[in-house]
Amino acid sequence: MSVLQQHIQNYFDVKGEQLDIIANSFQFRQVTKGDYLLKEGRLCNQLSFIQNGLIRIYAQKGEKEVTQWISSAGYFVTDLASFIFSTPARWNLQALTDCELYTIDKQAYINLGESIPEWHKLEKLFIAKCFIILEERVNSHLFMTAEERFQQLLSLQPDLFNQVPLQYLASMLGMTPETMSRLRKRSLR
């Protein structure tokens, strides 16, 4: 069983033939560090599952870059609004490392609804879980201090601090690189 199949089985409680149909709709793909999966303004026509590597999701606003998220192994990555509603992408998706992905294009994704009777229920669950993650991020920015957000990320994903430039992590956590540096030094004591 592939990592993708294990994730789908655990995440959506799908088994047997349905699991095979979903997993076989994804194509294995390797992406080189620095490559873009998507650029702002273009239509997003794919959803990818990260087997290995890191993908940065960010927006460019004038001279400023704002990192929305760093996706790592075990996460799905896409510009969900663009993928579902065919609107121009708001986000750039760029590989921070060499990556191994399983990718499904939009037409294959749509076709799952025709071949799996429960697909719309599974899709609703997927989107609900995406929404919950977003709610948790908003909640952390509204009710946690910069230090609490830093400590939470450090405890949940400590490897990011050795693999991702600190300015990207600082942006993702809603703080300046200077604040990030100060918090990092304090945590190393």
C-alpha atoms as a PDB file:
ATOM      1  CA  MET A   1       0.000   0.000   0.000  1.00  0.00           C
ATOM      2  CA  SER A   2       1.409   3.394  -1.015  1.00  0.00           C
ATOM      3  CA  VAL A   3       1.760   6.334   1.375  1.00  0.00           C
ATOM      4  CA  LEU A   4      -1.054   8.018  -0.550  1.00  0.00           C
ATOM      5  CA  GLN A   5      -3.352   5.006  -0.112  1.00  0.00           C
ATOM      6  CA  GLN A   6      -2.559   4.831   3.618  1.00  0.00           C
ATOM      7  CA  HIS A   7      -3.325   8.532   3.997  1.00  0.00           C
ATOM      8  CA  ILE A   8      -6.612   8.301   2.076  1.00  0.00           C
ATOM      9  CA  GLN A   9      -7.631   5.227   4.074  1.00  0.00           C
ATOM     10  CA  ASN A  10      -6.830   6.884   7.407  1.00  0.00           C
ATOM     11  CA  TYR A  11      -8.116  10.355   6.517  1.00  0.00           C
ATOM     12  CA  PHE A  12     -11.354   9.339   4.791  1.00  0.00           C
ATOM     13  CA  ASP A  13     -11.918   5.754   5.992  1.00  0.00           C
ATOM     14  CA  VAL A  14     -12.010   4.476   2.394  1.00  0.00           C
ATOM     15  CA  LYS A  15     -11.121   0.861   1.672  1.00  0.00           C
ATOM     16  CA  GLY A  16     -11.074  -1.748  -1.064  1.00  0.00           C
ATOM     17  CA  GLU A  17     -12.029  -0.940  -4.631  1.00  0.00           C
ATOM     18  CA  GLN A  18     -12.914   2.688  -3.853  1.00  0.00           C
ATOM     19  CA  LEU A  19      -9.466   3.238  -2.344  1.00  0.00           C
ATOM     20  CA  ASP A  20      -7.838   1.757  -5.458  1.00  0.00           C
ATOM     21  CA  ILE A  21      -9.943   3.923  -7.793  1.00  0.00           C
ATOM     22  CA  ILE A  22      -9.047   7.107  -5.896  1.00  0.00           C
ATOM     23  CA  ALA A  23      -5.340   6.274  -5.551  1.00  0.00           C
ATOM     24  CA  ASN A  24      -5.054   5.235  -9.210  1.00  0.00           C
ATOM     25  CA  SER A  25      -6.469   8.617 -10.264  1.00  0.00           C
ATOM     26  CA  PHE A  26      -3.296  10.255  -8.916  1.00  0.00           C
ATOM     27  CA  GLN A  27      -0.055  10.257 -10.931  1.00  0.00           C
ATOM     28  CA  PHE A  28       3.387  10.099  -9.327  1.00  0.00           C
ATOM     29  CA  ARG A  29       5.447  13.198 -10.058  1.00  0.00           C
ATOM     30  CA  GLN A  30       8.843  14.528  -9.051  1.00  0.00           C
ATOM     31  CA  VAL A  31       9.437  18.251  -8.693  1.00  0.00           C
ATOM     32  CA  THR A  32      12.824  19.930  -8.414  1.00  0.00           C
ATOM     33  CA  LYS A  33      13.648  22.494  -5.732  1.00  0.00           C
ATOM     34  CA  GLY A  34      12.635  25.955  -6.939  1.00  0.00           C
ATOM     35  CA  ASP A  35      10.028  24.718  -9.444  1.00  0.00           C
ATOM     36  CA  TYR A  36       6.523  26.139  -9.311  1.00  0.00           C
ATOM     37  CA  LEU A  37       3.441  23.955  -9.172  1.00  0.00           C
ATOM     38  CA  LEU A  38       1.304  27.081  -9.583  1.00  0.00           C
ATOM     39  CA  LYS A  39       1.726  30.836 -10.026  1.00  0.00           C
ATOM     40  CA  GLU A  40      -0.669  33.557  -8.916  1.00  0.00           C
ATOM     41  CA  GLY A  41      -3.220  34.553 -11.541  1.00  0.00           C
ATOM     42  CA  ARG A  42      -3.230  31.217 -13.359  1.00  0.00           C
ATOM     43  CA  LEU A  43      -5.928  28.578 -13.053  1.00  0.00           C
ATOM     44  CA  CYS A  44      -5.170  25.750 -10.661  1.00  0.00           C
ATOM     45  CA  ASN A  45      -6.038  22.447 -12.294  1.00  0.00           C
ATOM     46  CA  GLN A  46      -4.366  20.017  -9.905  1.00  0.00           C
ATOM     47  CA  LEU A  47      -4.392  18.764  -6.349  1.00  0.00           C
ATOM     48  CA  SER A  48      -1.218  17.147  -5.037  1.00  0.00           C
ATOM     49  CA  PHE A  49      -0.371  14.948  -2.084  1.00  0.00           C
ATOM     50  CA  ILE A  50       3.176  15.401  -0.803  1.00  0.00           C
ATOM     51  CA  GLN A  51       4.998  12.119  -0.255  1.00  0.00           C
ATOM     52  CA  ASN A  52       8.365  13.793   0.370  1.00  0.00           C
ATOM     53  CA  GLY A  53       9.543  17.391   0.381  1.00  0.00           C
ATOM     54  CA  LEU A  54       8.316  20.875   1.201  1.00  0.00           C
ATOM     55  CA  ILE A  55       6.036  23.199  -0.774  1.00  0.00           C
ATOM     56  CA  ARG A  56       5.741  26.886   0.104  1.00  0.00           C
ATOM     57  CA  ILE A  57       2.374  28.554  -0.453  1.00  0.00           C
ATOM     58  CA  TYR A  58       2.798  32.313  -0.716  1.00  0.00           C
ATOM     59  CA  ALA A  59       1.498  35.507  -2.288  1.00  0.00           C
ATOM     60  CA  GLN A  60       3.524  38.362  -3.751  1.00  0.00           C
ATOM     61  CA  LYS A  61       2.143  41.795  -2.870  1.00  0.00           C
ATOM     62  CA  GLY A  62       4.388  44.407  -4.449  1.00  0.00           C
ATOM     63  CA  GLU A  63       7.833  43.884  -2.951  1.00  0.00           C
ATOM     64  CA  LYS A  64       6.437  41.888  -0.040  1.00  0.00           C
ATOM     65  CA  GLU A  65       6.001  38.113   0.016  1.00  0.00           C
ATOM     66  CA  VAL A  66       3.542  36.624   2.490  1.00  0.00           C
ATOM     67  CA  THR A  67       3.890  32.939   3.280  1.00  0.00           C
ATOM     68  CA  GLN A  68       0.522  31.349   3.947  1.00  0.00           C
ATOM     69  CA  TRP A  69       1.806  27.853   4.719  1.00  0.00           C
ATOM     70  CA  ILE A  70       4.697  25.419   4.312  1.00  0.00           C
ATOM     71  CA  SER A  71       3.252  22.050   3.324  1.00  0.00           C
ATOM     72  CA  SER A  72       5.225  18.930   4.131  1.00  0.00           C
ATOM     73  CA  ALA A  73       4.901  15.171   3.684  1.00  0.00           C
ATOM     74  CA  GLY A  74       1.396  13.922   4.380  1.00  0.00           C
ATOM     75  CA  TYR A  75      -0.383  17.126   3.306  1.00  0.00           C
ATOM     76  CA  PHE A  76      -2.480  17.894   0.250  1.00  0.00           C
ATOM     77  CA  VAL A  77      -1.583  21.117  -1.546  1.00  0.00           C
ATOM     78  CA  THR A  78      -3.565  23.250  -3.998  1.00  0.00           C
ATOM     79  CA  ASP A  79      -5.187  26.658  -4.328  1.00  0.00           C
ATOM     80  CA  LEU A  80      -8.567  25.297  -3.283  1.00  0.00           C
ATOM     81  CA  ALA A  81     -10.686  28.238  -4.495  1.00  0.00           C
ATOM     82  CA  SER A  82      -9.041  28.163  -7.916  1.00  0.00           C
ATOM     83  CA  PHE A  83      -9.232  24.370  -8.144  1.00  0.00           C
ATOM     84  CA  ILE A  84     -12.920  24.118  -7.180  1.00  0.00           C
ATOM     85  CA  PHE A  85     -14.313  27.323  -8.720  1.00  0.00           C
ATOM     86  CA  SER A  86     -11.912  27.877 -11.676  1.00  0.00           C
ATOM     87  CA  THR A  87     -10.938  31.350 -10.475  1.00  0.00           C
ATOM     88  CA  PRO A  88      -7.441  32.814 -10.885  1.00  0.00           C
ATOM     89  CA  ALA A  89      -5.061  31.483  -8.226  1.00  0.00           C
ATOM     90  CA  ARG A  90      -4.276  33.756  -5.309  1.00  0.00           C
ATOM     91  CA  TRP A  91      -1.237  31.753  -4.281  1.00  0.00           C
ATOM     92  CA  ASN A  92       2.114  30.633  -5.653  1.00  0.00           C
ATOM     93  CA  LEU A  93       3.058  27.037  -4.882  1.00  0.00           C
ATOM     94  CA  GLN A  94       6.829  26.552  -5.020  1.00  0.00           C
ATOM     95  CA  ALA A  95       8.994  23.570  -4.100  1.00  0.00           C
ATOM     96  CA  LEU A  96      11.440  24.457  -1.306  1.00  0.00           C
ATOM     97  CA  THR A  97      13.111  21.063  -1.713  1.00  0.00           C
ATOM     98  CA  ASP A  98      13.054  18.302  -4.272  1.00  0.00           C
ATOM     99  CA  CYS A  99       9.601  16.731  -3.896  1.00  0.00           C
ATOM    100  CA  GLU A 100       7.787  13.512  -4.660  1.00  0.00           C
ATOM    101  CA  LEU A 101       4.088  14.097  -5.231  1.00  0.00           C
ATOM    102  CA  TYR A 102       0.958  12.244  -6.187  1.00  0.00           C
ATOM    103  CA  THR A 103      -1.101  14.601  -8.349  1.00  0.00           C
ATOM    104  CA  ILE A 104      -4.645  14.447  -9.655  1.00  0.00           C
ATOM    105  CA  ASP A 105      -5.802  16.810 -12.393  1.00  0.00           C
ATOM    106  CA  LYS A 106      -9.171  18.512 -12.210  1.00  0.00           C
ATOM    107  CA  GLN A 107     -10.894  16.310 -14.794  1.00  0.00           C
ATOM    108  CA  ALA A 108      -9.800  13.097 -13.043  1.00  0.00           C
ATOM    109  CA  TYR A 109     -10.992  14.637  -9.759  1.00  0.00           C
ATOM    110  CA  ILE A 110     -14.399  15.388 -11.317  1.00  0.00           C
ATOM    111  CA  ASN A 111     -14.544  11.872 -12.776  1.00  0.00           C
ATOM    112  CA  LEU A 112     -14.259  10.389  -9.279  1.00  0.00           C
ATOM    113  CA  GLY A 113     -17.762  11.729  -8.618  1.00  0.00           C
ATOM    114  CA  GLU A 114     -19.047   9.566 -11.455  1.00  0.00           C
ATOM    115  CA  SER A 115     -17.200   6.372 -10.497  1.00  0.00           C
ATOM    116  CA  ILE A 116     -17.527   6.440  -6.692  1.00  0.00           C
ATOM    117  CA  PRO A 117     -21.064   6.834  -5.317  1.00  0.00           C
ATOM    118  CA  GLU A 118     -19.811   8.229  -1.983  1.00  0.00           C
ATOM    119  CA  TRP A 119     -17.354  10.681  -3.566  1.00  0.00           C
ATOM    120  CA  HIS A 120     -19.380  13.804  -2.774  1.00  0.00           C
ATOM    121  CA  LYS A 121     -19.547  12.773   0.889  1.00  0.00           C
ATOM    122  CA  LEU A 122     -15.753  12.246   0.893  1.00  0.00           C
ATOM    123  CA  GLU A 123     -15.181  15.545  -0.908  1.00  0.00           C
ATOM    124  CA  LYS A 124     -17.316  17.341   1.686  1.00  0.00           C
ATOM    125  CA  LEU A 125     -15.233  15.755   4.456  1.00  0.00           C
ATOM    126  CA  PHE A 126     -11.994  16.824   2.721  1.00  0.00           C
ATOM    127  CA  ILE A 127     -13.162  20.431   2.346  1.00  0.00           C
ATOM    128  CA  ALA A 128     -14.444  20.478   5.946  1.00  0.00           C
ATOM    129  CA  LYS A 129     -11.027  19.325   7.187  1.00  0.00           C
ATOM    130  CA  CYS A 130      -9.360  22.052   5.087  1.00  0.00           C
ATOM    131  CA  PHE A 131     -11.720  24.595   6.660  1.00  0.00           C
ATOM    132  CA  ILE A 132     -10.927  23.354  10.171  1.00  0.00           C
ATOM    133  CA  ILE A 133      -7.194  23.772   9.536  1.00  0.00           C
ATOM    134  CA  LEU A 134      -7.859  27.315   8.314  1.00  0.00           C
ATOM    135  CA  GLU A 135      -9.993  28.056  11.397  1.00  0.00           C
ATOM    136  CA  GLU A 136      -7.176  26.819  13.648  1.00  0.00           C
ATOM    137  CA  ARG A 137      -4.703  29.114  11.869  1.00  0.00           C
ATOM    138  CA  VAL A 138      -7.020  32.125  12.205  1.00  0.00           C
ATOM    139  CA  ASN A 139      -7.646  31.275  15.849  1.00  0.00           C
ATOM    140  CA  SER A 140      -3.914  31.084  16.581  1.00  0.00           C
ATOM    141  CA  HIS A 141      -3.353  34.518  15.016  1.00  0.00           C
ATOM    142  CA  LEU A 142      -6.251  36.042  16.950  1.00  0.00           C
ATOM    143  CA  PHE A 143      -5.693  34.500  20.378  1.00  0.00           C
ATOM    144  CA  MET A 144      -2.057  33.419  20.642  1.00  0.00           C
ATOM    145  CA  THR A 145       0.999  35.568  21.145  1.00  0.00           C
ATOM    146  CA  ALA A 146       3.870  35.443  18.655  1.00  0.00           C
ATOM    147  CA  GLU A 147       5.817  33.345  21.154  1.00  0.00           C
ATOM    148  CA  GLU A 148       2.953  30.883  21.567  1.00  0.00           C
ATOM    149  CA  ARG A 149       2.636  30.495  17.778  1.00  0.00           C
ATOM    150  CA  PHE A 150       6.401  29.973  17.539  1.00  0.00           C
ATOM    151  CA  GLN A 151       6.386  27.347  20.311  1.00  0.00           C
ATOM    152  CA  GLN A 152       3.408  25.548  18.759  1.00  0.00           C
ATOM    153  CA  LEU A 153       5.139  25.275  15.369  1.00  0.00           C
ATOM    154  CA  LEU A 154       8.395  24.232  17.036  1.00  0.00           C
ATOM    155  CA  SER A 155       6.629  21.440  18.922  1.00  0.00           C
ATOM    156  CA  LEU A 156       4.526  20.233  15.959  1.00  0.00           C
ATOM    157  CA  GLN A 157       7.071  20.548  13.131  1.00  0.00           C
ATOM    158  CA  PRO A 158      10.587  21.040  14.532  1.00  0.00           C
ATOM    159  CA  ASP A 159      12.236  19.903  11.277  1.00  0.00           C
ATOM    160  CA  LEU A 160      10.953  22.995   9.475  1.00  0.00           C
ATOM    161  CA  PHE A 161      13.385  25.128  11.477  1.00  0.00           C
ATOM    162  CA  ASN A 162      16.331  23.302   9.871  1.00  0.00           C
ATOM    163  CA  GLN A 163      14.912  23.135   6.341  1.00  0.00           C
ATOM    164  CA  VAL A 164      13.074  26.416   5.703  1.00  0.00           C
ATOM    165  CA  PRO A 165      14.494  29.956   5.648  1.00  0.00           C
ATOM    166  CA  LEU A 166      13.447  31.710   8.846  1.00  0.00           C
ATOM    167  CA  GLN A 167      11.898  34.660   6.983  1.00  0.00           C
ATOM    168  CA  TYR A 168       9.341  32.259   5.437  1.00  0.00           C
ATOM    169  CA  LEU A 169       8.481  30.788   8.835  1.00  0.00           C
ATOM    170  CA  ALA A 170       8.255  34.272  10.355  1.00  0.00           C
ATOM    171  CA  SER A 171       5.857  35.379   7.628  1.00  0.00           C
ATOM    172  CA  MET A 172       3.747  32.238   8.059  1.00  0.00           C
ATOM    173  CA  LEU A 173       3.525  32.899  11.801  1.00  0.00           C
ATOM    174  CA  GLY A 174       2.656  36.585  11.303  1.00  0.00           C
ATOM    175  CA  MET A 175       5.823  38.075  12.781  1.00  0.00           C
ATOM    176  CA  THR A 176       8.927  39.879  11.633  1.00  0.00           C
ATOM    177  CA  PRO A 177      12.158  37.974  10.970  1.00  0.00           C
ATOM    178  CA  GLU A 178      13.708  39.860  13.903  1.00  0.00           C
ATOM    179  CA  THR A 179      11.025  38.607  16.297  1.00  0.00           C
ATOM    180  CA  MET A 180      11.486  35.078  14.923  1.00  0.00           C
ATOM    181  CA  SER A 181      15.246  35.291  15.451  1.00  0.00           C
ATOM    182  CA  ARG A 182      14.816  36.533  19.015  1.00  0.00           C
ATOM    183  CA  LEU A 183      12.319  33.761  19.860  1.00  0.00           C
ATOM    184  CA  ARG A 184      14.563  31.136  18.278  1.00  0.00           C
ATOM    185  CA  LYS A 185      17.581  32.289  20.304  1.00  0.00           C
ATOM    186  CA  ARG A 186      15.495  32.247  23.477  1.00  0.00           C
ATOM    187  CA  SER A 187      14.273  28.695  22.788  1.00  0.00           C
ATOM    188  CA  LEU A 188      17.863  27.429  22.286  1.00  0.00           C
ATOM    189  CA  ARG A 189      18.880  28.483  25.807  1.00  0.00           C
END
